[in-house]
Amino acid sequence: MRPSSGRQCAVCGAGDERALENIVLAGGVRTTLCGSHALMYRRSRREQRSESELRALFRDRRERSERRREGDELGMSLTAAFADERRAAARRRV
C-alpha cells in the first residue's frame, strides 16, 4: 500500500489544494481526500483502513453510457423544447 502524496485525493485524484483534507484512517494511516470524499468518509458506517478500501467503497459506480441509455425525463424534455434552436449539421463548428 502506497500512501497518497498529499497533493491529490486518494480516491478521485482531484488536485485543487483548496478542497483537500488530510484524514487519518482506522489504524492510523494518513491520507488526503477531496471535500466530497472526506464527507463520504465521515458519513460512512464502515471504518476504512487503507486507500484501496476507500477507492473500492467510494468509486463512481455509474458509467456514462448507462446514464445516457436511461433516458433522463428532464433531459429529454429540455432537448425537445430547444430542438428548433439547435444548429443544423452543416452549421456546426468542428
PDB file of N, CA and C in Angstrom:
ATOM      1  N   MET A   1       0.846  -1.168   0.000  1.00  0.00           N
ATOM      2  CA  MET A   1       0.000   0.000   0.000  1.00  0.00           C
ATOM      3  C   MET A   1       0.892   1.233   0.000  1.00  0.00           C
ATOM      4  N   ARG A   2       0.651   2.132  -0.970  1.00  0.00           N
ATOM      5  CA  ARG A   2       1.417   3.355  -1.077  1.00  0.00           C
ATOM      6  C   ARG A   2       0.532   4.532  -0.712  1.00  0.00           C
ATOM      7  N   PRO A   3       0.870   5.272   0.334  1.00  0.00           N
ATOM      8  CA  PRO A   3       0.025   6.411   0.687  1.00  0.00           C
ATOM      9  C   PRO A   3       0.079   7.491  -0.375  1.00  0.00           C
ATOM     10  N   SER A   4      -0.989   8.283  -0.485  1.00  0.00           N
ATOM     11  CA  SER A   4      -1.019   9.350  -1.469  1.00  0.00           C
ATOM     12  C   SER A   4      -0.021  10.430  -1.095  1.00  0.00           C
ATOM     13  N   SER A   5       0.366  11.218  -2.071  1.00  0.00           N
ATOM     14  CA  SER A   5       1.381  12.243  -1.867  1.00  0.00           C
ATOM     15  C   SER A   5       0.873  13.398  -1.029  1.00  0.00           C
ATOM     16  N   GLY A   6      -0.430  13.482  -0.809  1.00  0.00           N
ATOM     17  CA  GLY A   6      -0.980  14.591  -0.065  1.00  0.00           C
ATOM     18  C   GLY A   6      -1.319  15.766  -0.961  1.00  0.00           C
ATOM     19  N   ARG A   7      -1.069  15.637  -2.240  1.00  0.00           N
ATOM     20  CA  ARG A   7      -1.349  16.707  -3.188  1.00  0.00           C
ATOM     21  C   ARG A   7      -2.560  16.399  -4.057  1.00  0.00           C
ATOM     22  N   GLN A   8      -3.156  15.247  -3.840  1.00  0.00           N
ATOM     23  CA  GLN A   8      -4.353  14.892  -4.599  1.00  0.00           C
ATOM     24  C   GLN A   8      -5.189  13.913  -3.799  1.00  0.00           C
ATOM     25  N   CYS A   9      -6.471  13.863  -4.150  1.00  0.00           N
ATOM     26  CA  CYS A   9      -7.397  12.962  -3.471  1.00  0.00           C
ATOM     27  C   CYS A   9      -7.006  11.517  -3.769  1.00  0.00           C
ATOM     28  N   ALA A  10      -6.964  10.705  -2.735  1.00  0.00           N
ATOM     29  CA  ALA A  10      -6.598   9.296  -2.884  1.00  0.00           C
ATOM     30  C   ALA A  10      -7.640   8.503  -3.651  1.00  0.00           C
ATOM     31  N   VAL A  11      -8.876   9.017  -3.759  1.00  0.00           N
ATOM     32  CA  VAL A  11      -9.946   8.296  -4.439  1.00  0.00           C
ATOM     33  C   VAL A  11     -10.083   8.739  -5.889  1.00  0.00           C
ATOM     34  N   CYS A  12     -10.245  10.047  -6.113  1.00  0.00           N
ATOM     35  CA  CYS A  12     -10.538  10.524  -7.468  1.00  0.00           C
ATOM     36  C   CYS A  12      -9.378  11.251  -8.141  1.00  0.00           C
ATOM     37  N   GLY A  13      -8.355  11.601  -7.381  1.00  0.00           N
ATOM     38  CA  GLY A  13      -7.205  12.267  -7.972  1.00  0.00           C
ATOM     39  C   GLY A  13      -7.345  13.779  -8.102  1.00  0.00           C
ATOM     40  N   ALA A  14      -8.405  14.369  -7.534  1.00  0.00           N
ATOM     41  CA  ALA A  14      -8.579  15.822  -7.597  1.00  0.00           C
ATOM     42  C   ALA A  14      -7.379  16.490  -6.939  1.00  0.00           C
ATOM     43  N   GLY A  15      -6.870  17.551  -7.576  1.00  0.00           N
ATOM     44  CA  GLY A  15      -5.643  18.160  -7.076  1.00  0.00           C
ATOM     45  C   GLY A  15      -5.772  19.590  -6.609  1.00  0.00           C
ATOM     46  N   ASP A  16      -6.970  20.134  -6.545  1.00  0.00           N
ATOM     47  CA  ASP A  16      -7.151  21.505  -6.080  1.00  0.00           C
ATOM     48  C   ASP A  16      -6.945  21.529  -4.568  1.00  0.00           C
ATOM     49  N   GLU A  17      -5.828  22.106  -4.142  1.00  0.00           N
ATOM     50  CA  GLU A  17      -5.468  22.057  -2.727  1.00  0.00           C
ATOM     51  C   GLU A  17      -6.474  22.752  -1.820  1.00  0.00           C
ATOM     52  N   ARG A  18      -7.265  23.654  -2.372  1.00  0.00           N
ATOM     53  CA  ARG A  18      -8.274  24.338  -1.559  1.00  0.00           C
ATOM     54  C   ARG A  18      -9.369  23.381  -1.102  1.00  0.00           C
ATOM     55  N   ALA A  19      -9.548  22.270  -1.814  1.00  0.00           N
ATOM     56  CA  ALA A  19     -10.623  21.328  -1.486  1.00  0.00           C
ATOM     57  C   ALA A  19     -10.115  20.054  -0.831  1.00  0.00           C
ATOM     58  N   LEU A  20      -8.838  19.992  -0.496  1.00  0.00           N
ATOM     59  CA  LEU A  20      -8.268  18.762   0.052  1.00  0.00           C
ATOM     60  C   LEU A  20      -8.217  18.787   1.575  1.00  0.00           C
ATOM     61  N   GLU A  21      -8.389  17.604   2.156  1.00  0.00           N
ATOM     62  CA  GLU A  21      -8.315  17.420   3.609  1.00  0.00           C
ATOM     63  C   GLU A  21      -7.407  16.251   3.912  1.00  0.00           C
ATOM     64  N   ASN A  22      -6.645  16.368   4.982  1.00  0.00           N
ATOM     65  CA  ASN A  22      -5.860  15.233   5.461  1.00  0.00           C
ATOM     66  C   ASN A  22      -6.724  14.448   6.433  1.00  0.00           C
ATOM     67  N   ILE A  23      -6.808  13.151   6.234  1.00  0.00           N
ATOM     68  CA  ILE A  23      -7.666  12.266   7.024  1.00  0.00           C
ATOM     69  C   ILE A  23      -6.799  11.179   7.645  1.00  0.00           C
ATOM     70  N   VAL A  24      -7.135  10.783   8.855  1.00  0.00           N
ATOM     71  CA  VAL A  24      -6.474   9.651   9.499  1.00  0.00           C
ATOM     72  C   VAL A  24      -7.458   8.496   9.490  1.00  0.00           C
ATOM     73  N   LEU A  25      -7.116   7.438   8.788  1.00  0.00           N
ATOM     74  CA  LEU A  25      -7.973   6.257   8.686  1.00  0.00           C
ATOM     75  C   LEU A  25      -7.834   5.394   9.926  1.00  0.00           C
ATOM     76  N   ALA A  26      -8.716   4.431  10.070  1.00  0.00           N
ATOM     77  CA  ALA A  26      -8.626   3.469  11.173  1.00  0.00           C
ATOM     78  C   ALA A  26      -7.264   2.783  11.082  1.00  0.00           C
ATOM     79  N   GLY A  27      -6.593   2.655  12.182  1.00  0.00           N
ATOM     80  CA  GLY A  27      -5.267   2.045  12.175  1.00  0.00           C
ATOM     81  C   GLY A  27      -4.157   3.074  12.059  1.00  0.00           C
ATOM     82  N   GLY A  28      -4.520   4.354  11.915  1.00  0.00           N
ATOM     83  CA  GLY A  28      -3.519   5.416  11.909  1.00  0.00           C
ATOM     84  C   GLY A  28      -2.940   5.798  10.560  1.00  0.00           C
ATOM     85  N   VAL A  29      -3.398   5.195   9.482  1.00  0.00           N
ATOM     86  CA  VAL A  29      -2.889   5.537   8.155  1.00  0.00           C
ATOM     87  C   VAL A  29      -3.406   6.917   7.768  1.00  0.00           C
ATOM     88  N   ARG A  30      -2.497   7.807   7.336  1.00  0.00           N
ATOM     89  CA  ARG A  30      -2.876   9.154   6.906  1.00  0.00           C
ATOM     90  C   ARG A  30      -3.065   9.164   5.392  1.00  0.00           C
ATOM     91  N   THR A  31      -4.078   9.902   4.940  1.00  0.00           N
ATOM     92  CA  THR A  31      -4.317  10.042   3.509  1.00  0.00           C
ATOM     93  C   THR A  31      -4.945  11.399   3.242  1.00  0.00           C
ATOM     94  N   THR A  32      -5.073  11.738   1.980  1.00  0.00           N
ATOM     95  CA  THR A  32      -5.667  13.006   1.573  1.00  0.00           C
ATOM     96  C   THR A  32      -6.915  12.717   0.756  1.00  0.00           C
ATOM     97  N   LEU A  33      -8.002  13.441   1.061  1.00  0.00           N
ATOM     98  CA  LEU A  33      -9.258  13.294   0.330  1.00  0.00           C
ATOM     99  C   LEU A  33      -9.775  14.668  -0.068  1.00  0.00           C
ATOM    100  N   CYS A  34     -10.491  14.719  -1.186  1.00  0.00           N
ATOM    101  CA  CYS A  34     -11.171  15.958  -1.565  1.00  0.00           C
ATOM    102  C   CYS A  34     -12.373  16.125  -0.630  1.00  0.00           C
ATOM    103  N   GLY A  35     -12.978  17.280  -0.652  1.00  0.00           N
ATOM    104  CA  GLY A  35     -14.095  17.554   0.235  1.00  0.00           C
ATOM    105  C   GLY A  35     -15.237  16.568   0.088  1.00  0.00           C
ATOM    106  N   SER A  36     -15.548  16.199  -1.156  1.00  0.00           N
ATOM    107  CA  SER A  36     -16.657  15.258  -1.380  1.00  0.00           C
ATOM    108  C   SER A  36     -16.367  13.895  -0.780  1.00  0.00           C
ATOM    109  N   HIS A  37     -15.162  13.378  -1.022  1.00  0.00           N
ATOM    110  CA  HIS A  37     -14.832  12.057  -0.500  1.00  0.00           C
ATOM    111  C   HIS A  37     -14.587  12.100   1.006  1.00  0.00           C
ATOM    112  N   ALA A  38     -14.131  13.230   1.550  1.00  0.00           N
ATOM    113  CA  ALA A  38     -13.989  13.355   3.000  1.00  0.00           C
ATOM    114  C   ALA A  38     -15.366  13.304   3.660  1.00  0.00           C
ATOM    115  N   LEU A  39     -16.340  13.951   3.047  1.00  0.00           N
ATOM    116  CA  LEU A  39     -17.704  13.903   3.570  1.00  0.00           C
ATOM    117  C   LEU A  39     -18.249  12.479   3.513  1.00  0.00           C
ATOM    118  N   MET A  40     -18.014  11.802   2.395  1.00  0.00           N
ATOM    119  CA  MET A  40     -18.464  10.411   2.279  1.00  0.00           C
ATOM    120  C   MET A  40     -17.791   9.543   3.349  1.00  0.00           C
ATOM    121  N   TYR A  41     -16.504   9.803   3.594  1.00  0.00           N
ATOM    122  CA  TYR A  41     -15.769   9.046   4.616  1.00  0.00           C
ATOM    123  C   TYR A  41     -16.385   9.278   6.000  1.00  0.00           C
ATOM    124  N   ARG A  42     -16.676  10.534   6.332  1.00  0.00           N
ATOM    125  CA  ARG A  42     -17.240  10.846   7.643  1.00  0.00           C
ATOM    126  C   ARG A  42     -18.640  10.236   7.813  1.00  0.00           C
ATOM    127  N   ARG A  43     -19.399  10.151   6.733  1.00  0.00           N
ATOM    128  CA  ARG A  43     -20.754   9.597   6.814  1.00  0.00           C
ATOM    129  C   ARG A  43     -20.786   8.077   6.734  1.00  0.00           C
ATOM    130  N   SER A  44     -19.690   7.497   6.332  1.00  0.00           N
ATOM    131  CA  SER A  44     -19.622   6.048   6.162  1.00  0.00           C
ATOM    132  C   SER A  44     -19.736   5.346   7.506  1.00  0.00           C
ATOM    133  N   ARG A  45     -20.424   4.236   7.507  1.00  0.00           N
ATOM    134  CA  ARG A  45     -20.574   3.463   8.738  1.00  0.00           C
ATOM    135  C   ARG A  45     -19.446   2.448   8.899  1.00  0.00           C
ATOM    136  N   ARG A  46     -18.697   2.215   7.830  1.00  0.00           N
ATOM    137  CA  ARG A  46     -17.573   1.279   7.876  1.00  0.00           C
ATOM    138  C   ARG A  46     -16.286   2.037   8.146  1.00  0.00           C
ATOM    139  N   GLU A  47     -15.370   1.420   8.835  1.00  0.00           N
ATOM    140  CA  GLU A  47     -14.066   2.030   9.074  1.00  0.00           C
ATOM    141  C   GLU A  47     -13.084   1.509   8.034  1.00  0.00           C
ATOM    142  N   GLN A  48     -12.633   2.377   7.154  1.00  0.00           N
ATOM    143  CA  GLN A  48     -11.662   2.001   6.141  1.00  0.00           C
ATOM    144  C   GLN A  48     -10.265   2.072   6.746  1.00  0.00           C
ATOM    145  N   ARG A  49      -9.446   1.093   6.381  1.00  0.00           N
ATOM    146  CA  ARG A  49      -8.110   1.010   6.938  1.00  0.00           C
ATOM    147  C   ARG A  49      -7.034   1.360   5.911  1.00  0.00           C
ATOM    148  N   SER A  50      -7.415   1.489   4.636  1.00  0.00           N
ATOM    149  CA  SER A  50      -6.414   1.770   3.608  1.00  0.00           C
ATOM    150  C   SER A  50      -7.037   2.572   2.471  1.00  0.00           C
ATOM    151  N   GLU A  51      -6.173   3.154   1.647  1.00  0.00           N
ATOM    152  CA  GLU A  51      -6.647   3.906   0.492  1.00  0.00           C
ATOM    153  C   GLU A  51      -7.350   2.998  -0.501  1.00  0.00           C
ATOM    154  N   SER A  52      -6.882   1.770  -0.628  1.00  0.00           N
ATOM    155  CA  SER A  52      -7.535   0.850  -1.561  1.00  0.00           C
ATOM    156  C   SER A  52      -8.967   0.540  -1.114  1.00  0.00           C
ATOM    157  N   GLU A  53      -9.198   0.441   0.192  1.00  0.00           N
ATOM    158  CA  GLU A  53     -10.561   0.243   0.696  1.00  0.00           C
ATOM    159  C   GLU A  53     -11.419   1.473   0.404  1.00  0.00           C
ATOM    160  N   LEU A  54     -10.842   2.670   0.560  1.00  0.00           N
ATOM    161  CA  LEU A  54     -11.570   3.904   0.236  1.00  0.00           C
ATOM    162  C   LEU A  54     -11.979   3.916  -1.234  1.00  0.00           C
ATOM    163  N   ARG A  55     -11.030   3.620  -2.109  1.00  0.00           N
ATOM    164  CA  ARG A  55     -11.320   3.634  -3.556  1.00  0.00           C
ATOM    165  C   ARG A  55     -12.392   2.620  -3.909  1.00  0.00           C
ATOM    166  N   ALA A  56     -12.337   1.443  -3.310  1.00  0.00           N
ATOM    167  CA  ALA A  56     -13.334   0.401  -3.595  1.00  0.00           C
ATOM    168  C   ALA A  56     -14.724   0.822  -3.124  1.00  0.00           C
ATOM    169  N   LEU A  57     -14.794   1.468  -1.976  1.00  0.00           N
ATOM    170  CA  LEU A  57     -16.087   1.847  -1.410  1.00  0.00           C
ATOM    171  C   LEU A  57     -16.685   3.068  -2.098  1.00  0.00           C
ATOM    172  N   PHE A  58     -15.837   4.054  -2.468  1.00  0.00           N
ATOM    173  CA  PHE A  58     -16.336   5.326  -2.968  1.00  0.00           C
ATOM    174  C   PHE A  58     -16.208   5.506  -4.475  1.00  0.00           C
ATOM    175  N   ARG A  59     -15.797   4.503  -5.185  1.00  0.00           N
ATOM    176  CA  ARG A  59     -15.620   4.671  -6.638  1.00  0.00           C
ATOM    177  C   ARG A  59     -16.948   5.051  -7.294  1.00  0.00           C
ATOM    178  N   ASP A  60     -16.853   5.697  -8.438  1.00  0.00           N
ATOM    179  CA  ASP A  60     -18.057   6.108  -9.164  1.00  0.00           C
ATOM    180  C   ASP A  60     -18.661   4.868  -9.795  1.00  0.00           C
ATOM    181  N   ARG A  61     -19.831   4.505  -9.359  1.00  0.00           N
ATOM    182  CA  ARG A  61     -20.462   3.276  -9.834  1.00  0.00           C
ATOM    183  C   ARG A  61     -21.272   3.471 -11.106  1.00  0.00           C
ATOM    184  N   ARG A  62     -21.415   4.708 -11.511  1.00  0.00           N
ATOM    185  CA  ARG A  62     -22.187   4.984 -12.721  1.00  0.00           C
ATOM    186  C   ARG A  62     -21.244   5.084 -13.910  1.00  0.00           C
ATOM    187  N   GLU A  63     -21.632   4.526 -14.992  1.00  0.00           N
ATOM    188  CA  GLU A  63     -20.880   4.682 -16.227  1.00  0.00           C
ATOM    189  C   GLU A  63     -21.661   5.616 -17.125  1.00  0.00           C
ATOM    190  N   ARG A  64     -20.947   6.452 -17.819  1.00  0.00           N
ATOM    191  CA  ARG A  64     -21.616   7.455 -18.642  1.00  0.00           C
ATOM    192  C   ARG A  64     -22.570   6.828 -19.656  1.00  0.00           C
ATOM    193  N   SER A  65     -22.179   5.736 -20.265  1.00  0.00           N
ATOM    194  CA  SER A  65     -23.041   5.114 -21.266  1.00  0.00           C
ATOM    195  C   SER A  65     -24.357   4.637 -20.647  1.00  0.00           C
ATOM    196  N   GLU A  66     -24.297   4.155 -19.419  1.00  0.00           N
ATOM    197  CA  GLU A  66     -25.518   3.696 -18.762  1.00  0.00           C
ATOM    198  C   GLU A  66     -26.470   4.858 -18.504  1.00  0.00           C
ATOM    199  N   ARG A  67     -25.949   6.006 -18.082  1.00  0.00           N
ATOM    200  CA  ARG A  67     -26.801   7.147 -17.789  1.00  0.00           C
ATOM    201  C   ARG A  67     -27.465   7.671 -19.053  1.00  0.00           C
ATOM    202  N   ARG A  68     -26.772   7.631 -20.169  1.00  0.00           N
ATOM    203  CA  ARG A  68     -27.368   8.122 -21.411  1.00  0.00           C
ATOM    204  C   ARG A  68     -28.514   7.223 -21.853  1.00  0.00           C
ATOM    205  N   ARG A  69     -28.379   5.933 -21.654  1.00  0.00           N
ATOM    206  CA  ARG A  69     -29.407   4.996 -22.090  1.00  0.00           C
ATOM    207  C   ARG A  69     -30.639   5.037 -21.203  1.00  0.00           C
ATOM    208  N   GLU A  70     -30.486   5.495 -19.977  1.00  0.00           N
ATOM    209  CA  GLU A  70     -31.618   5.508 -19.055  1.00  0.00           C
ATOM    210  C   GLU A  70     -32.743   6.407 -19.546  1.00  0.00           C
ATOM    211  N   GLY A  71     -32.414   7.444 -20.294  1.00  0.00           N
ATOM    212  CA  GLY A  71     -33.444   8.343 -20.781  1.00  0.00           C
ATOM    213  C   GLY A  71     -33.958   9.263 -19.692  1.00  0.00           C
ATOM    214  N   ASP A  72     -33.130  10.167 -19.270  1.00  0.00           N
ATOM    215  CA  ASP A  72     -33.499  11.149 -18.254  1.00  0.00           C
ATOM    216  C   ASP A  72     -34.688  11.956 -18.750  1.00  0.00           C
ATOM    217  N   GLU A  73     -35.791  11.927 -18.023  1.00  0.00           N
ATOM    218  CA  GLU A  73     -37.032  12.566 -18.449  1.00  0.00           C
ATOM    219  C   GLU A  73     -36.862  14.076 -18.606  1.00  0.00           C
ATOM    220  N   LEU A  74     -36.201  14.715 -17.666  1.00  0.00           N
ATOM    221  CA  LEU A  74     -35.983  16.160 -17.757  1.00  0.00           C
ATOM    222  C   LEU A  74     -35.095  16.488 -18.958  1.00  0.00           C
ATOM    223  N   GLY A  75     -34.043  15.706 -19.158  1.00  0.00           N
ATOM    224  CA  GLY A  75     -33.153  15.929 -20.292  1.00  0.00           C
ATOM    225  C   GLY A  75     -33.873  15.807 -21.620  1.00  0.00           C
ATOM    226  N   MET A  76     -34.731  14.812 -21.736  1.00  0.00           N
ATOM    227  CA  MET A  76     -35.478  14.629 -22.982  1.00  0.00           C
ATOM    228  C   MET A  76     -36.440  15.799 -23.198  1.00  0.00           C
ATOM    229  N   SER A  77     -37.065  16.283 -22.130  1.00  0.00           N
ATOM    230  CA  SER A  77     -37.981  17.423 -22.251  1.00  0.00           C
ATOM    231  C   SER A  77     -37.246  18.675 -22.693  1.00  0.00           C
ATOM    232  N   LEU A  78     -36.083  18.917 -22.115  1.00  0.00           N
ATOM    233  CA  LEU A  78     -35.301  20.093 -22.496  1.00  0.00           C
ATOM    234  C   LEU A  78     -34.809  19.995 -23.942  1.00  0.00           C
ATOM    235  N   THR A  79     -34.363  18.825 -24.341  1.00  0.00           N
ATOM    236  CA  THR A  79     -33.908  18.637 -25.720  1.00  0.00           C
ATOM    237  C   THR A  79     -35.051  18.890 -26.686  1.00  0.00           C
ATOM    238  N   ALA A  80     -36.230  18.372 -26.379  1.00  0.00           N
ATOM    239  CA  ALA A  80     -37.384  18.572 -27.255  1.00  0.00           C
ATOM    240  C   ALA A  80     -37.784  20.042 -27.305  1.00  0.00           C
ATOM    241  N   ALA A  81     -37.706  20.731 -26.179  1.00  0.00           N
ATOM    242  CA  ALA A  81     -38.109  22.136 -26.129  1.00  0.00           C
ATOM    243  C   ALA A  81     -37.196  23.032 -26.948  1.00  0.00           C
ATOM    244  N   PHE A  82     -35.927  22.691 -26.995  1.00  0.00           N
ATOM    245  CA  PHE A  82     -34.962  23.545 -27.691  1.00  0.00           C
ATOM    246  C   PHE A  82     -34.475  22.928 -29.000  1.00  0.00           C
ATOM    247  N   ALA A  83     -35.148  21.922 -29.496  1.00  0.00           N
ATOM    248  CA  ALA A  83     -34.711  21.229 -30.710  1.00  0.00           C
ATOM    249  C   ALA A  83     -34.678  22.157 -31.917  1.00  0.00           C
ATOM    250  N   ASP A  84     -35.598  23.099 -32.005  1.00  0.00           N
ATOM    251  CA  ASP A  84     -35.614  24.013 -33.148  1.00  0.00           C
ATOM    252  C   ASP A  84     -34.426  24.961 -33.135  1.00  0.00           C
ATOM    253  N   GLU A  85     -33.866  25.232 -31.972  1.00  0.00           N
ATOM    254  CA  GLU A  85     -32.763  26.174 -31.859  1.00  0.00           C
ATOM    255  C   GLU A  85     -31.412  25.526 -32.111  1.00  0.00           C
ATOM    256  N   ARG A  86     -31.352  24.222 -32.202  1.00  0.00           N
ATOM    257  CA  ARG A  86     -30.084  23.540 -32.414  1.00  0.00           C
ATOM    258  C   ARG A  86     -29.589  23.795 -33.822  1.00  0.00           C
ATOM    259  N   ARG A  87     -28.287  23.855 -33.957  1.00  0.00           N
ATOM    260  CA  ARG A  87     -27.690  24.097 -35.284  1.00  0.00           C
ATOM    261  C   ARG A  87     -27.857  22.882 -36.181  1.00  0.00           C
ATOM    262  N   ALA A  88     -28.068  23.151 -37.425  1.00  0.00           N
ATOM    263  CA  ALA A  88     -28.094  22.066 -38.416  1.00  0.00           C
ATOM    264  C   ALA A  88     -26.680  21.509 -38.533  1.00  0.00           C
ATOM    265  N   ALA A  89     -26.559  20.283 -38.966  1.00  0.00           N
ATOM    266  CA  ALA A  89     -25.248  19.637 -39.057  1.00  0.00           C
ATOM    267  C   ALA A  89     -24.268  20.440 -39.895  1.00  0.00           C
ATOM    268  N   ALA A  90     -24.743  21.086 -40.951  1.00  0.00           N
ATOM    269  CA  ALA A  90     -23.856  21.865 -41.819  1.00  0.00           C
ATOM    270  C   ALA A  90     -23.344  23.122 -41.132  1.00  0.00           C
ATOM    271  N   ARG A  91     -24.038  23.617 -40.125  1.00  0.00           N
ATOM    272  CA  ARG A  91     -23.646  24.857 -39.460  1.00  0.00           C
ATOM    273  C   ARG A  91     -22.863  24.623 -38.157  1.00  0.00           C
ATOM    274  N   ARG A  92     -22.660  23.399 -37.779  1.00  0.00           N
ATOM    275  CA  ARG A  92     -21.964  23.102 -36.527  1.00  0.00           C
ATOM    276  C   ARG A  92     -20.476  23.388 -36.653  1.00  0.00           C
ATOM    277  N   ARG A  93     -19.905  23.863 -35.559  1.00  0.00           N
ATOM    278  CA  ARG A  93     -18.462  24.095 -35.512  1.00  0.00           C
ATOM    279  C   ARG A  93     -17.754  22.773 -35.399  1.00  0.00           C
ATOM    280  N   VAL A  94     -16.577  22.728 -35.923  1.00  0.00           N
ATOM    281  CA  VAL A  94     -15.777  21.493 -35.860  1.00  0.00           C
ATOM    282  C   VAL A  94     -14.732  21.620 -34.809  1.00  0.00           C
TER     283      VAL A  94
END
